[in-house]
Amino acid sequence: MANHAKGRLLFAARDLFPSLGGASLSMAPLLRAFSRVGYAVTSINAGRQGEAEHSVDDEPFPAHVVPDYLSRTAAVMDRDRPDLVITQGWGSTEVLERAFARNLRTCLFVVDLIGYAPQECFEGFCIDHAANLSALKRADMVVANSGYMKRRLHELSGIRAEVVFPVIEEADYLVMPPPDPRLRRFVTLPSGLAHKGVDDFLAQAPRLGRPCLICGPLEPGREARLAACKNVRHVGYVLDMRPVYAYTACLVAASLFEETFGRVIVEANLNGIPVAALDRGACREVVGQAGVLYSSPGEMSEAVRAALGVPPEVCRENARRFASAPQIEKALRLVADLLHGPQTKRTSQ
């Protein structure tokens, strides 16, 4: 890790490369921005089971995918004494504890509430909420991904988080040129997982009156139900969502847990696509006027029909609220302030 004047940043988390989930898709461009303005950035994340250790060669900073990312993280902390350790998601508490033991400054990006508050659809998971909250409260800075998340973290722990919306690189999701509106026929569910509402979607699909798409993995055991829905097609994991958005008339956000942002809402809105969203978590904050909220699964079909009447320009205007450039600039400013200020717990009351 080079000794750059701006400072040495270590990002360590279970997930980053390949950037598939929303959290890693948001963090990767932030790390590139830190590197671009002169920070010495190093990232370490875990590989998939059985994956050999390797470096990610097409990034402007050293990025290492290793089987035991926690051991490698500790070794880099001891060797390089980074000025700031950044982490997020699963495994972030373990990274923070290693940084605390070495008296290193820390920044935690909180990307969901699963690790911090019980969620009905994750009751079978063994999660130590108390330990995670304890580590969160000791971090030098906590970054929430929405105003809703900031409020919930304050309720749960008393800390006052900063807010940086997820970085959504518009060019990666914007269909160009805009497709013929007559081609946009499908109602799309962006994930086929249970906690993302696939069961409710399959139950309501016959009432939607349109062909439907389900992206991403399909929750095991739903194959027969899917086959019975003659107007639903499962397209699996889609690396580039632009072809899907080109044919989508309405996106459904049906998550059963506390979504703390919901980046697919903004991705759809960028393309003038309205959203029908279950009114939980931050969906009300993110949807704004660019869609319709519904309170129970039985209201989904009515919400889709109403959302289809939202003008495309209203959706695009809503997406502009979450433009990536201002979020990157805010993150840069927050880290600079943290590194140049006294080593105090900025998040406490």
Protein backbone atom coordinates (compact mmCIF):
# COMPACT_ATOMS: atom_id res chain seq x y z
CA MET A 1 0.00 0.00 0.00
CA ALA A 2 1.76 3.17 -1.21
CA ASN A 3 2.26 6.12 1.12
CA HIS A 4 0.09 8.70 -0.67
CA ALA A 5 -0.27 12.14 0.87
CA LYS A 6 -4.07 11.93 0.93
CA GLY A 7 -4.01 8.76 3.00
CA ARG A 8 -4.07 4.99 2.87
CA LEU A 9 -7.49 3.34 2.63
CA LEU A 10 -8.14 -0.35 3.20
CA PHE A 11 -11.48 -1.74 2.09
CA ALA A 12 -12.20 -5.20 3.49
CA ALA A 13 -15.46 -7.12 3.26
CA ARG A 14 -16.72 -10.51 2.29
CA ASP A 15 -18.13 -9.32 -1.04
CA LEU A 16 -16.77 -6.92 -3.63
CA PHE A 17 -15.44 -8.72 -6.73
CA PRO A 18 -17.23 -9.85 -8.73
CA SER A 19 -19.61 -6.97 -8.06
CA LEU A 20 -23.00 -8.64 -8.31
CA GLY A 21 -25.10 -7.42 -5.38
CA GLY A 22 -26.19 -3.83 -4.85
CA ALA A 23 -23.69 -3.16 -2.05
CA SER A 24 -20.64 -4.19 -4.07
CA LEU A 25 -21.96 -2.46 -7.19
CA SER A 26 -22.10 0.76 -5.16
CA MET A 27 -18.76 0.38 -3.38
CA ALA A 28 -16.59 -0.38 -6.42
CA PRO A 29 -17.11 3.06 -8.05
CA LEU A 30 -16.47 4.75 -4.70
CA LEU A 31 -13.12 3.01 -4.36
CA ARG A 32 -12.25 4.01 -7.92
CA ALA A 33 -13.09 7.62 -7.05
CA PHE A 34 -10.90 7.52 -3.93
CA SER A 35 -8.03 6.17 -6.03
CA ARG A 36 -8.60 8.77 -8.75
CA VAL A 37 -8.27 11.72 -6.35
CA GLY A 38 -5.04 10.41 -4.84
CA TYR A 39 -5.76 7.99 -2.00
CA ALA A 40 -3.76 4.78 -1.83
CA VAL A 41 -6.55 2.20 -1.94
CA THR A 42 -6.29 -1.52 -1.32
CA SER A 43 -9.26 -3.89 -1.28
CA ILE A 44 -9.56 -7.42 0.06
CA ASN A 45 -12.61 -9.63 -0.27
CA ALA A 46 -13.46 -13.30 0.00
CA GLY A 47 -13.56 -15.58 -3.00
CA ARG A 48 -16.30 -18.07 -3.70
CA GLN A 49 -15.93 -21.50 -2.16
CA GLY A 50 -13.03 -23.26 -3.85
CA GLU A 51 -11.97 -20.16 -5.78
CA ALA A 52 -8.23 -19.67 -6.06
CA GLU A 53 -6.61 -16.53 -4.74
CA HIS A 54 -6.22 -13.88 -7.43
CA SER A 55 -5.93 -10.16 -8.08
CA VAL A 56 -8.45 -8.11 -10.03
CA ASP A 57 -6.33 -6.67 -12.81
CA ASP A 58 -8.70 -4.13 -14.37
CA GLU A 59 -9.05 -1.85 -11.34
CA PRO A 60 -6.98 1.31 -10.69
CA PHE A 61 -6.07 0.02 -7.21
CA PRO A 62 -4.77 -3.29 -5.84
CA ALA A 63 -7.74 -5.61 -5.35
CA HIS A 64 -7.25 -9.09 -3.93
CA VAL A 65 -9.75 -11.96 -3.78
CA VAL A 66 -8.58 -14.48 -1.19
CA PRO A 67 -10.04 -17.55 0.54
CA ASP A 68 -9.48 -16.16 4.07
CA TYR A 69 -10.09 -12.44 3.73
CA LEU A 70 -10.12 -11.81 7.49
CA SER A 71 -6.61 -13.20 8.02
CA ARG A 72 -5.31 -11.25 5.02
CA THR A 73 -7.07 -8.12 6.30
CA ALA A 74 -5.36 -8.41 9.68
CA ALA A 75 -1.99 -8.93 8.02
CA VAL A 76 -2.40 -5.81 5.85
CA MET A 77 -3.49 -3.80 8.90
CA ASP A 78 -0.32 -4.85 10.73
CA ARG A 79 1.96 -4.28 7.76
CA ASP A 80 0.59 -1.02 6.34
CA ARG A 81 -1.25 0.67 9.21
CA PRO A 82 -3.93 2.15 6.92
CA ASP A 83 -5.29 5.58 7.81
CA LEU A 84 -8.86 4.32 7.41
CA VAL A 85 -10.49 0.90 7.26
CA ILE A 86 -13.74 0.80 5.28
CA THR A 87 -16.13 -2.13 5.39
CA GLN A 88 -19.73 -3.10 4.71
CA GLY A 89 -22.14 -6.02 4.66
CA TRP A 90 -21.64 -9.55 5.95
CA GLY A 91 -18.41 -9.89 7.88
CA SER A 92 -18.11 -6.17 8.57
CA THR A 93 -18.24 -6.65 12.34
CA GLU A 94 -15.25 -8.99 12.20
CA VAL A 95 -13.32 -6.44 10.11
CA LEU A 96 -14.20 -3.66 12.55
CA GLU A 97 -13.08 -5.70 15.56
CA ARG A 98 -9.69 -6.26 13.97
CA ALA A 99 -9.36 -2.55 13.26
CA PHE A 100 -10.42 -1.61 16.80
CA ALA A 101 -7.77 -3.93 18.24
CA ARG A 102 -5.13 -2.02 16.27
CA ASN A 103 -6.52 1.44 17.04
CA LEU A 104 -7.26 2.17 13.37
CA ARG A 105 -9.91 4.58 12.19
CA THR A 106 -13.00 2.94 10.76
CA CYS A 107 -15.87 3.73 8.40
CA LEU A 108 -18.85 1.38 8.17
CA PHE A 109 -21.27 1.52 5.24
CA VAL A 110 -24.51 -0.04 6.45
CA VAL A 111 -26.23 -1.56 3.44
CA ASP A 112 -29.16 -3.32 5.11
CA LEU A 113 -30.72 -3.91 8.52
CA ILE A 114 -30.57 -7.70 8.48
CA GLY A 115 -27.58 -7.79 10.81
CA TYR A 116 -28.94 -5.16 13.19
CA ALA A 117 -32.65 -5.84 13.70
CA PRO A 118 -34.76 -9.01 13.53
CA GLN A 119 -36.47 -9.54 10.17
CA GLU A 120 -39.34 -11.98 9.96
CA CYS A 121 -38.15 -13.59 6.73
CA PHE A 122 -34.66 -14.21 8.17
CA GLU A 123 -35.72 -15.86 11.44
CA GLY A 124 -33.78 -19.03 10.65
CA PHE A 125 -30.49 -17.20 10.35
CA CYS A 126 -28.07 -17.19 13.29
CA ILE A 127 -27.32 -13.46 13.58
CA ASP A 128 -25.79 -11.77 16.61
CA HIS A 129 -27.60 -8.45 16.43
CA ALA A 130 -26.15 -7.26 19.75
CA ALA A 131 -22.55 -7.83 18.63
CA ASN A 132 -23.16 -6.10 15.32
CA LEU A 133 -24.77 -3.10 17.01
CA SER A 134 -21.92 -2.91 19.51
CA ALA A 135 -19.35 -2.73 16.71
CA LEU A 136 -21.43 -0.23 14.78
CA LYS A 137 -21.54 2.12 17.77
CA ARG A 138 -17.75 2.06 18.05
CA ALA A 139 -17.03 2.94 14.43
CA ASP A 140 -15.59 6.39 13.77
CA MET A 141 -18.12 6.98 11.02
CA VAL A 142 -21.26 5.17 9.92
CA VAL A 143 -22.76 5.78 6.48
CA ALA A 144 -26.40 4.92 5.87
CA ASN A 145 -27.81 4.37 2.38
CA SER A 146 -31.04 6.33 2.92
CA GLY A 147 -32.78 8.72 5.28
CA TYR A 148 -34.91 5.80 6.39
CA MET A 149 -31.79 3.83 7.31
CA LYS A 150 -30.38 6.80 9.23
CA ARG A 151 -33.56 7.02 11.32
CA ARG A 152 -33.66 3.29 12.00
CA LEU A 153 -30.00 3.19 13.06
CA HIS A 154 -30.65 6.02 15.48
CA GLU A 155 -33.62 4.14 16.92
CA LEU A 156 -31.59 0.95 17.28
CA SER A 157 -28.31 2.33 18.59
CA GLY A 158 -28.49 6.06 19.21
CA ILE A 159 -25.84 6.81 16.58
CA ARG A 160 -26.20 9.57 14.02
CA ALA A 161 -25.14 8.27 10.64
CA GLU A 162 -24.24 10.18 7.51
CA VAL A 163 -26.29 9.48 4.39
CA VAL A 164 -24.80 8.58 1.02
CA PHE A 165 -27.24 7.06 -1.44
CA PRO A 166 -26.00 3.99 -3.34
CA VAL A 167 -23.84 4.88 -6.31
CA ILE A 168 -25.71 3.86 -9.45
CA GLU A 169 -23.61 4.43 -12.54
CA GLU A 170 -26.25 5.62 -14.94
CA ALA A 171 -24.57 4.41 -18.14
CA ASP A 172 -24.68 0.83 -16.88
CA TYR A 173 -28.50 0.84 -16.69
CA LEU A 174 -29.73 3.46 -19.15
CA VAL A 175 -31.15 2.02 -22.36
CA MET A 176 -29.86 4.06 -25.31
CA PRO A 177 -31.48 5.07 -27.49
CA PRO A 178 -34.76 4.93 -25.57
CA PRO A 179 -36.75 1.95 -26.85
CA ASP A 180 -40.09 2.15 -28.59
CA PRO A 181 -42.72 2.46 -25.80
CA ARG A 182 -44.87 -0.05 -27.68
CA LEU A 183 -42.26 -2.73 -26.92
CA ARG A 184 -42.57 -2.20 -23.19
CA ARG A 185 -45.09 -4.84 -22.25
CA PHE A 186 -43.63 -6.73 -19.29
CA VAL A 187 -44.13 -6.44 -15.55
CA THR A 188 -40.76 -7.32 -14.03
CA LEU A 189 -39.77 -8.67 -10.64
CA PRO A 190 -35.99 -8.14 -10.25
CA SER A 191 -35.36 -11.15 -7.98
CA GLY A 192 -36.88 -14.60 -7.58
CA LEU A 193 -35.88 -15.00 -3.93
CA ALA A 194 -38.46 -15.52 -1.19
CA HIS A 195 -37.51 -12.42 0.82
CA LYS A 196 -37.81 -10.38 -2.39
CA GLY A 197 -41.47 -11.35 -2.69
CA VAL A 198 -41.45 -14.01 -5.40
CA ASP A 199 -44.29 -15.99 -3.80
CA ASP A 200 -46.58 -12.96 -3.74
CA PHE A 201 -45.62 -12.12 -7.31
CA LEU A 202 -46.42 -15.63 -8.55
CA ALA A 203 -49.75 -15.52 -6.72
CA GLN A 204 -50.70 -12.18 -8.27
CA ALA A 205 -49.23 -12.66 -11.75
CA PRO A 206 -52.42 -14.08 -13.33
CA ARG A 207 -54.22 -10.90 -12.25
CA LEU A 208 -51.68 -8.51 -13.75
CA GLY A 209 -53.01 -8.84 -17.29
CA ARG A 210 -49.56 -8.63 -18.85
CA PRO A 211 -46.61 -10.88 -19.58
CA CYS A 212 -44.22 -10.98 -16.62
CA LEU A 213 -40.51 -11.51 -16.07
CA ILE A 214 -38.62 -12.73 -13.01
CA CYS A 215 -34.88 -12.04 -12.96
CA GLY A 216 -32.14 -13.46 -10.77
CA PRO A 217 -32.17 -16.81 -8.97
CA LEU A 218 -35.49 -18.54 -8.40
CA GLU A 219 -36.18 -19.68 -4.87
CA PRO A 220 -35.91 -23.50 -4.80
CA GLY A 221 -39.22 -25.34 -4.88
CA ARG A 222 -41.03 -22.75 -7.00
CA GLU A 223 -40.56 -24.44 -10.35
CA ALA A 224 -44.05 -25.98 -10.44
CA ARG A 225 -45.70 -22.70 -9.43
CA LEU A 226 -43.73 -20.89 -12.11
CA ALA A 227 -44.76 -23.41 -14.75
CA ALA A 228 -48.40 -22.95 -13.75
CA CYS A 229 -48.20 -19.20 -14.39
CA LYS A 230 -48.55 -19.10 -18.15
CA ASN A 231 -47.76 -15.36 -18.34
CA VAL A 232 -44.51 -15.54 -16.31
CA ARG A 233 -41.03 -16.21 -17.65
CA HIS A 234 -37.95 -16.69 -15.47
CA VAL A 235 -34.88 -15.28 -17.25
CA GLY A 236 -32.34 -16.04 -14.50
CA TYR A 237 -29.43 -13.88 -13.48
CA VAL A 238 -28.93 -10.99 -15.90
CA LEU A 239 -25.52 -9.33 -15.85
CA ASP A 240 -26.66 -6.41 -18.03
CA MET A 241 -30.19 -5.29 -17.14
CA ARG A 242 -30.56 -2.86 -20.03
CA PRO A 243 -32.24 -5.39 -22.36
CA VAL A 244 -34.70 -6.22 -19.56
CA TYR A 245 -35.49 -2.56 -18.91
CA ALA A 246 -35.96 -2.05 -22.65
CA TYR A 247 -39.04 -4.31 -22.51
CA THR A 248 -40.31 -3.48 -19.01
CA ALA A 249 -43.47 -1.42 -18.58
CA CYS A 250 -43.56 -1.59 -14.78
CA LEU A 251 -41.12 -2.84 -12.15
CA VAL A 252 -42.44 -4.52 -8.99
CA ALA A 253 -40.48 -4.07 -5.74
CA ALA A 254 -42.07 -6.65 -3.44
CA SER A 255 -39.45 -7.21 -0.72
CA LEU A 256 -40.84 -8.60 2.54
CA PHE A 257 -38.08 -7.21 4.76
CA GLU A 258 -36.97 -3.66 5.53
CA GLU A 259 -35.40 -2.62 2.25
CA THR A 260 -33.20 0.32 3.17
CA PHE A 261 -32.94 1.65 -0.37
CA GLY A 262 -33.88 -0.53 -3.36
CA ARG A 263 -31.54 0.49 -6.17
CA VAL A 264 -33.61 -1.31 -8.81
CA ILE A 265 -36.24 1.41 -8.29
CA VAL A 266 -33.78 4.05 -9.45
CA GLU A 267 -32.45 1.86 -12.26
CA ALA A 268 -35.98 1.49 -13.61
CA ASN A 269 -36.78 5.19 -13.13
CA LEU A 270 -33.68 6.14 -15.15
CA ASN A 271 -35.44 4.51 -18.08
CA GLY A 272 -38.79 6.15 -17.44
CA ILE A 273 -40.20 2.95 -15.94
CA PRO A 274 -42.65 3.35 -13.03
CA VAL A 275 -42.57 1.13 -9.96
CA ALA A 276 -45.22 -0.65 -7.90
CA ALA A 277 -43.67 -1.14 -4.46
CA LEU A 278 -44.71 -2.78 -1.23
CA ASP A 279 -44.71 0.04 1.31
CA ARG A 280 -41.94 -1.18 3.59
CA GLY A 281 -38.57 0.20 4.58
CA ALA A 282 -37.25 3.00 2.40
CA CYS A 283 -39.51 2.31 -0.60
CA ARG A 284 -41.71 5.33 0.14
CA GLU A 285 -38.62 7.58 0.27
CA VAL A 286 -37.09 6.22 -2.93
CA VAL A 287 -40.21 5.81 -5.10
CA GLY A 288 -41.44 9.35 -4.49
CA GLN A 289 -43.91 10.24 -7.25
CA ALA A 290 -42.43 7.74 -9.70
CA GLY A 291 -44.73 4.86 -8.87
CA VAL A 292 -47.44 3.55 -6.58
CA LEU A 293 -47.10 2.00 -3.13
CA TYR A 294 -49.28 -0.85 -1.96
CA SER A 295 -49.85 -2.12 1.58
CA SER A 296 -50.58 -5.82 1.13
CA PRO A 297 -49.84 -8.44 -1.55
CA GLY A 298 -53.46 -8.52 -2.67
CA GLU A 299 -53.14 -4.88 -3.77
CA MET A 300 -50.23 -5.57 -6.14
CA SER A 301 -52.25 -5.85 -9.36
CA GLU A 302 -54.15 -2.63 -8.65
CA ALA A 303 -50.87 -0.85 -7.86
CA VAL A 304 -49.32 -2.05 -11.14
CA ARG A 305 -52.28 -0.75 -13.13
CA ALA A 306 -52.05 2.62 -11.38
CA ALA A 307 -48.27 2.81 -11.78
CA LEU A 308 -48.56 2.28 -15.52
CA GLY A 309 -50.18 5.72 -15.65
CA VAL A 310 -47.14 7.53 -14.23
CA PRO A 311 -45.48 9.60 -16.99
CA PRO A 312 -41.92 8.56 -17.94
CA GLU A 313 -40.55 12.05 -17.28
CA VAL A 314 -41.79 11.89 -13.68
CA CYS A 315 -39.79 8.68 -13.29
CA ARG A 316 -36.66 10.20 -14.82
CA GLU A 317 -36.96 13.26 -12.60
CA ASN A 318 -37.17 11.03 -9.55
CA ALA A 319 -34.02 9.17 -10.63
CA ARG A 320 -32.16 12.48 -10.84
CA ARG A 321 -32.55 12.85 -7.06
CA PHE A 322 -30.09 9.96 -6.69
CA ALA A 323 -27.55 10.95 -9.35
CA SER A 324 -24.22 9.22 -8.78
CA ALA A 325 -21.85 12.20 -9.03
CA PRO A 326 -23.16 14.05 -5.93
CA GLN A 327 -23.04 10.82 -3.90
CA ILE A 328 -19.42 10.21 -4.84
CA GLU A 329 -18.52 13.81 -4.00
CA LYS A 330 -20.20 13.52 -0.61
CA ALA A 331 -18.38 10.29 0.21
CA LEU A 332 -15.06 11.91 -0.74
CA ARG A 333 -15.81 14.89 1.48
CA LEU A 334 -16.84 12.75 4.45
CA VAL A 335 -13.68 10.65 4.31
CA ALA A 336 -11.47 13.74 3.94
CA ASP A 337 -13.17 15.34 6.96
CA LEU A 338 -12.73 12.17 9.00
CA LEU A 339 -9.06 11.78 8.18
CA HIS A 340 -8.18 15.42 8.81
CA GLY A 341 -10.22 15.74 12.01
CA PRO A 342 -9.58 14.44 15.54
CA GLN A 343 -10.02 10.73 16.18
CA THR A 344 -13.40 10.93 17.87
CA LYS A 345 -16.60 8.94 17.57
CA ARG A 346 -18.46 11.19 15.13
CA THR A 347 -21.60 9.03 15.18
CA SER A 348 -22.48 9.29 18.86
CA GLN A 349 -24.95 11.80 20.21
